[in-house]
Each structure stands twice: as structure tokens, then as C-alpha cells.
Amino acid sequence: MTLAVDVFVRDTDGEWRVLDVPEGCSDSAGFEAWRRTVWGSEAVRSLGARHLPVLAEDNLFVEADEVRGRTSI
């Protein structure tokens, strides 16, 4: 199975609306095994990543206000 990244926005009623992947782009974030071996690895954590290591244990949902103006996800 593959790990995928989807972008979502919240409608005025607070419900999620997942945006389509633009043509010519991919939503792939690697293989399922990458949850631990890459995104949850000590190397990624040592770079100061706060969100990506969550993938080692669970799905990741990041709201816009959690990344706006940030350089480290």
C-alpha cells in the first residue's frame, strides 16, 4: 500500500473538502513502510520535524494554521 498526501480545506460549515490532485502531480508520499523508516525516523526528528513523525504511529492531519509561516513540518 502507498502513503498518500491530500490537501483539504474547510467549508464554511467546518466540513472537510479534499482538493483534487493537480494534473501532472502525484499525491504519493512513499510506501506504507516509510511511516517509520523515513517520516518517523530519528533523522527526520533530528531535523526538528514536528508533524511528519506522527506518521510512524497514526495518520496525520495538519490544519492550515498549524503550518502557515512555518519552515518545519
Protein backbone atom coordinates (compact mmCIF):
# COMPACT_ATOMS: atom_id res chain seq x y z
CA MET A 1 0.00 0.00 0.00
CA THR A 2 1.15 3.56 -0.62
CA LEU A 3 1.14 6.56 1.62
CA ALA A 4 -0.73 9.49 0.09
CA VAL A 5 -0.90 13.21 0.79
CA ASP A 6 -4.12 15.08 0.20
CA VAL A 7 -4.80 18.78 0.62
CA PHE A 8 -8.07 19.78 2.24
CA VAL A 9 -9.90 22.97 3.03
CA ARG A 10 -12.74 23.53 5.43
CA ASP A 11 -16.08 24.69 4.10
CA THR A 12 -18.00 27.45 5.87
CA ASP A 13 -19.80 24.76 7.89
CA GLY A 14 -16.46 23.32 9.05
CA GLU A 15 -16.61 20.18 6.90
CA TRP A 16 -13.53 18.99 5.03
CA ARG A 17 -13.32 19.26 1.27
CA VAL A 18 -10.41 17.30 -0.21
CA LEU A 19 -8.93 19.06 -3.23
CA ASP A 20 -8.15 17.21 -6.44
CA VAL A 21 -4.51 16.45 -7.19
CA PRO A 22 -3.40 18.78 -9.99
CA GLU A 23 -2.80 17.16 -13.36
CA GLY A 24 0.79 16.04 -13.75
CA CYS A 25 1.30 15.81 -9.97
CA SER A 26 1.28 12.87 -7.59
CA ASP A 27 -0.15 12.50 -4.12
CA SER A 28 2.35 9.77 -3.24
CA ALA A 29 4.40 10.17 -0.05
CA GLY A 30 6.14 6.83 -0.35
CA PHE A 31 5.47 3.28 0.67
CA GLU A 32 3.43 2.41 3.76
CA ALA A 33 6.66 1.17 5.40
CA TRP A 34 8.05 4.70 5.14
CA ARG A 35 5.83 5.74 8.06
CA ARG A 36 8.55 4.50 10.42
CA THR A 37 11.64 4.06 8.26
CA VAL A 38 11.55 7.57 6.78
CA TRP A 39 8.97 10.01 8.19
CA GLY A 40 9.16 8.71 11.74
CA SER A 41 12.90 8.13 11.69
CA GLU A 42 15.36 9.64 14.12
CA ALA A 43 16.97 11.50 11.19
CA VAL A 44 13.72 13.33 10.40
CA ARG A 45 13.09 14.02 14.09
CA SER A 46 16.63 15.41 14.47
CA LEU A 47 15.82 18.00 11.77
CA GLY A 48 13.14 19.40 14.06
CA ALA A 49 10.13 17.97 12.21
CA ARG A 50 7.07 18.05 14.44
CA HIS A 51 4.28 16.76 12.22
CA LEU A 52 5.84 14.16 9.94
CA PRO A 53 6.99 11.83 12.77
CA VAL A 54 3.32 11.38 13.75
CA LEU A 55 3.03 9.15 10.68
CA ALA A 56 5.06 6.48 12.49
CA GLU A 57 2.02 5.77 14.69
CA ASP A 58 -1.05 7.29 13.07
CA ASN A 59 -2.48 9.22 10.13
CA LEU A 60 -1.54 12.87 10.04
CA PHE A 61 -3.96 15.76 9.74
CA VAL A 62 -2.46 19.26 9.76
CA GLU A 63 -4.69 22.31 9.74
CA ALA A 64 -3.63 25.40 7.77
CA ASP A 65 -3.00 27.48 10.88
CA GLU A 66 -0.51 24.85 12.08
CA VAL A 67 1.83 25.36 9.09
CA ARG A 68 1.33 28.92 7.95
CA GLY A 69 4.61 30.78 8.15
CA ARG A 70 6.48 27.70 9.37
CA THR A 71 9.52 26.18 7.72
CA SER A 72 9.47 22.82 9.55
CA ILE A 73 6.65 20.35 9.20
